Amino acid sequence: MMIRLPVRWDKTVIVVMNAVRVSSPYTPESVSGGTPAANERVKKVLELERKRLQTRGSGQ
């Protein structure tokens, strides 16, 4: 089941749920703002998405 979070761009920053900000290089370490729970949720989504992209990029 895919859960979609509301996102928008603020120049080069991704803003998730109008509170959590993700700056370049768009890794879990570049997440800031929002409540601790929202911050952790966005970090988890980024981790999972990066793993998915790496798996796809390796031809598996």
N, C-alpha and C. Protein backbone atom coordinates (compact mmCIF):
# COMPACT_ATOMS: atom_id res chain seq x y z
N MET A 1 0.84 -1.19 0.00
CA MET A 1 0.00 0.00 0.00
C MET A 1 0.88 1.24 0.00
N MET A 2 0.63 2.12 -0.94
CA MET A 2 1.42 3.34 -1.05
C MET A 2 0.69 4.47 -0.33
N ILE A 3 1.42 5.15 0.54
CA ILE A 3 0.87 6.31 1.24
C ILE A 3 1.51 7.55 0.64
N ARG A 4 0.71 8.47 0.21
CA ARG A 4 1.22 9.71 -0.38
C ARG A 4 1.18 10.83 0.65
N LEU A 5 2.29 11.54 0.72
CA LEU A 5 2.37 12.69 1.61
C LEU A 5 2.28 13.95 0.74
N PRO A 6 1.57 14.98 1.20
CA PRO A 6 1.50 16.21 0.41
C PRO A 6 2.86 16.90 0.37
N VAL A 7 3.34 17.17 -0.84
CA VAL A 7 4.64 17.83 -1.00
C VAL A 7 4.53 18.98 -1.98
N ARG A 8 5.48 19.91 -1.86
CA ARG A 8 5.61 21.02 -2.81
C ARG A 8 7.06 21.45 -2.80
N TRP A 9 7.46 22.16 -3.82
CA TRP A 9 8.81 22.69 -3.91
C TRP A 9 8.83 24.13 -3.43
N ASP A 10 9.87 24.50 -2.69
CA ASP A 10 10.16 25.89 -2.32
C ASP A 10 11.57 26.15 -2.83
N LYS A 11 11.65 26.60 -4.07
CA LYS A 11 12.92 26.71 -4.80
C LYS A 11 13.58 25.34 -4.89
N THR A 12 14.67 25.09 -4.16
CA THR A 12 15.35 23.79 -4.24
C THR A 12 15.06 22.90 -3.04
N VAL A 13 14.13 23.30 -2.20
CA VAL A 13 13.78 22.54 -1.00
C VAL A 13 12.42 21.88 -1.19
N ILE A 14 12.33 20.61 -0.81
CA ILE A 14 11.04 19.90 -0.84
C ILE A 14 10.38 20.14 0.51
N VAL A 15 9.14 20.61 0.49
CA VAL A 15 8.37 20.85 1.72
C VAL A 15 7.29 19.77 1.79
N VAL A 16 7.32 18.99 2.86
CA VAL A 16 6.40 17.87 3.04
C VAL A 16 5.42 18.23 4.15
N MET A 17 4.14 18.03 3.90
CA MET A 17 3.07 18.31 4.88
C MET A 17 3.14 19.75 5.39
N ASN A 18 3.60 20.67 4.54
CA ASN A 18 3.71 22.09 4.88
C ASN A 18 4.55 22.36 6.11
N ALA A 19 5.43 21.42 6.51
CA ALA A 19 6.22 21.65 7.71
C ALA A 19 7.63 21.09 7.63
N VAL A 20 7.78 19.91 7.11
CA VAL A 20 9.08 19.25 7.06
C VAL A 20 9.80 19.65 5.79
N ARG A 21 11.07 20.06 5.92
CA ARG A 21 11.85 20.52 4.77
C ARG A 21 12.96 19.53 4.48
N VAL A 22 13.15 19.23 3.19
CA VAL A 22 14.21 18.33 2.75
C VAL A 22 15.08 19.09 1.75
N SER A 23 16.33 19.33 2.13
CA SER A 23 17.27 20.08 1.30
C SER A 23 18.16 19.13 0.53
N SER A 24 18.79 19.64 -0.51
CA SER A 24 19.77 18.88 -1.27
C SER A 24 20.88 18.43 -0.31
N PRO A 25 21.30 17.20 -0.37
CA PRO A 25 21.17 16.18 -1.41
C PRO A 25 19.97 15.25 -1.22
N TYR A 26 18.96 15.70 -0.48
CA TYR A 26 17.69 14.98 -0.33
C TYR A 26 17.88 13.59 0.30
N THR A 27 18.63 13.57 1.38
CA THR A 27 18.87 12.35 2.14
C THR A 27 18.17 12.48 3.49
N PRO A 28 18.02 11.38 4.24
CA PRO A 28 17.41 11.48 5.57
C PRO A 28 18.12 12.48 6.48
N GLU A 29 19.42 12.66 6.28
CA GLU A 29 20.17 13.61 7.10
C GLU A 29 19.85 15.06 6.77
N SER A 30 19.23 15.31 5.63
CA SER A 30 18.92 16.68 5.23
C SER A 30 17.47 17.08 5.54
N VAL A 31 16.81 16.31 6.41
CA VAL A 31 15.43 16.58 6.82
C VAL A 31 15.45 17.50 8.04
N SER A 32 14.60 18.53 8.04
CA SER A 32 14.50 19.44 9.18
C SER A 32 13.08 19.96 9.31
N GLY A 33 12.79 20.52 10.48
CA GLY A 33 11.49 21.13 10.71
C GLY A 33 10.40 20.12 11.03
N GLY A 34 9.22 20.62 11.32
CA GLY A 34 8.08 19.75 11.61
C GLY A 34 8.17 19.13 13.00
N THR A 35 7.17 18.35 13.33
CA THR A 35 7.17 17.66 14.61
C THR A 35 8.16 16.49 14.53
N PRO A 36 8.63 16.01 15.67
CA PRO A 36 9.53 14.85 15.64
C PRO A 36 8.92 13.66 14.90
N ALA A 37 7.64 13.41 15.09
CA ALA A 37 6.99 12.27 14.44
C ALA A 37 6.95 12.46 12.92
N ALA A 38 6.60 13.66 12.47
CA ALA A 38 6.55 13.95 11.03
C ALA A 38 7.96 13.87 10.43
N ASN A 39 8.93 14.39 11.15
CA ASN A 39 10.32 14.36 10.72
C ASN A 39 10.78 12.92 10.53
N GLU A 40 10.50 12.06 11.48
CA GLU A 40 10.90 10.65 11.39
C GLU A 40 10.18 9.94 10.25
N ARG A 41 8.92 10.26 10.02
CA ARG A 41 8.16 9.64 8.93
C ARG A 41 8.78 9.99 7.58
N VAL A 42 9.13 11.25 7.40
CA VAL A 42 9.73 11.68 6.14
C VAL A 42 11.10 11.01 5.96
N LYS A 43 11.88 10.91 7.02
CA LYS A 43 13.18 10.24 6.93
C LYS A 43 13.01 8.78 6.50
N LYS A 44 12.02 8.11 7.06
CA LYS A 44 11.77 6.71 6.72
C LYS A 44 11.37 6.57 5.26
N VAL A 45 10.50 7.44 4.79
CA VAL A 45 10.08 7.40 3.38
C VAL A 45 11.28 7.62 2.47
N LEU A 46 12.14 8.57 2.82
CA LEU A 46 13.34 8.82 2.01
C LEU A 46 14.25 7.60 1.98
N GLU A 47 14.46 6.98 3.12
CA GLU A 47 15.31 5.79 3.18
C GLU A 47 14.76 4.69 2.28
N LEU A 48 13.48 4.43 2.38
CA LEU A 48 12.86 3.38 1.58
C LEU A 48 12.90 3.70 0.09
N GLU A 49 12.67 4.95 -0.26
CA GLU A 49 12.68 5.35 -1.67
C GLU A 49 14.09 5.25 -2.25
N ARG A 50 15.10 5.66 -1.49
CA ARG A 50 16.48 5.56 -1.97
C ARG A 50 16.87 4.10 -2.18
N LYS A 51 16.46 3.21 -1.28
CA LYS A 51 16.74 1.78 -1.44
C LYS A 51 16.04 1.24 -2.68
N ARG A 52 14.80 1.65 -2.90
CA ARG A 52 14.05 1.20 -4.07
C ARG A 52 14.73 1.64 -5.36
N LEU A 53 15.20 2.88 -5.40
CA LEU A 53 15.87 3.40 -6.58
C LEU A 53 17.21 2.69 -6.81
N GLN A 54 17.93 2.39 -5.75
CA GLN A 54 19.21 1.68 -5.88
C GLN A 54 18.98 0.28 -6.43
N THR A 55 17.95 -0.40 -5.95
CA THR A 55 17.62 -1.74 -6.43
C THR A 55 17.26 -1.70 -7.92
N ARG A 56 16.48 -0.72 -8.30
CA ARG A 56 16.08 -0.57 -9.70
C ARG A 56 17.30 -0.26 -10.56
N GLY A 57 18.20 0.58 -10.05
CA GLY A 57 19.39 0.97 -10.80
C GLY A 57 20.39 -0.15 -10.98
N SER A 58 20.35 -1.16 -10.10
CA SER A 58 21.29 -2.28 -10.22
C SER A 58 20.78 -3.36 -11.17
N GLY A 59 19.61 -3.14 -11.75
CA GLY A 59 19.06 -4.08 -12.73
C GLY A 59 18.31 -5.25 -12.14
N GLN A 60 17.95 -5.16 -10.87
CA GLN A 60 17.22 -6.25 -10.23
C GLN A 60 15.74 -6.01 -10.30
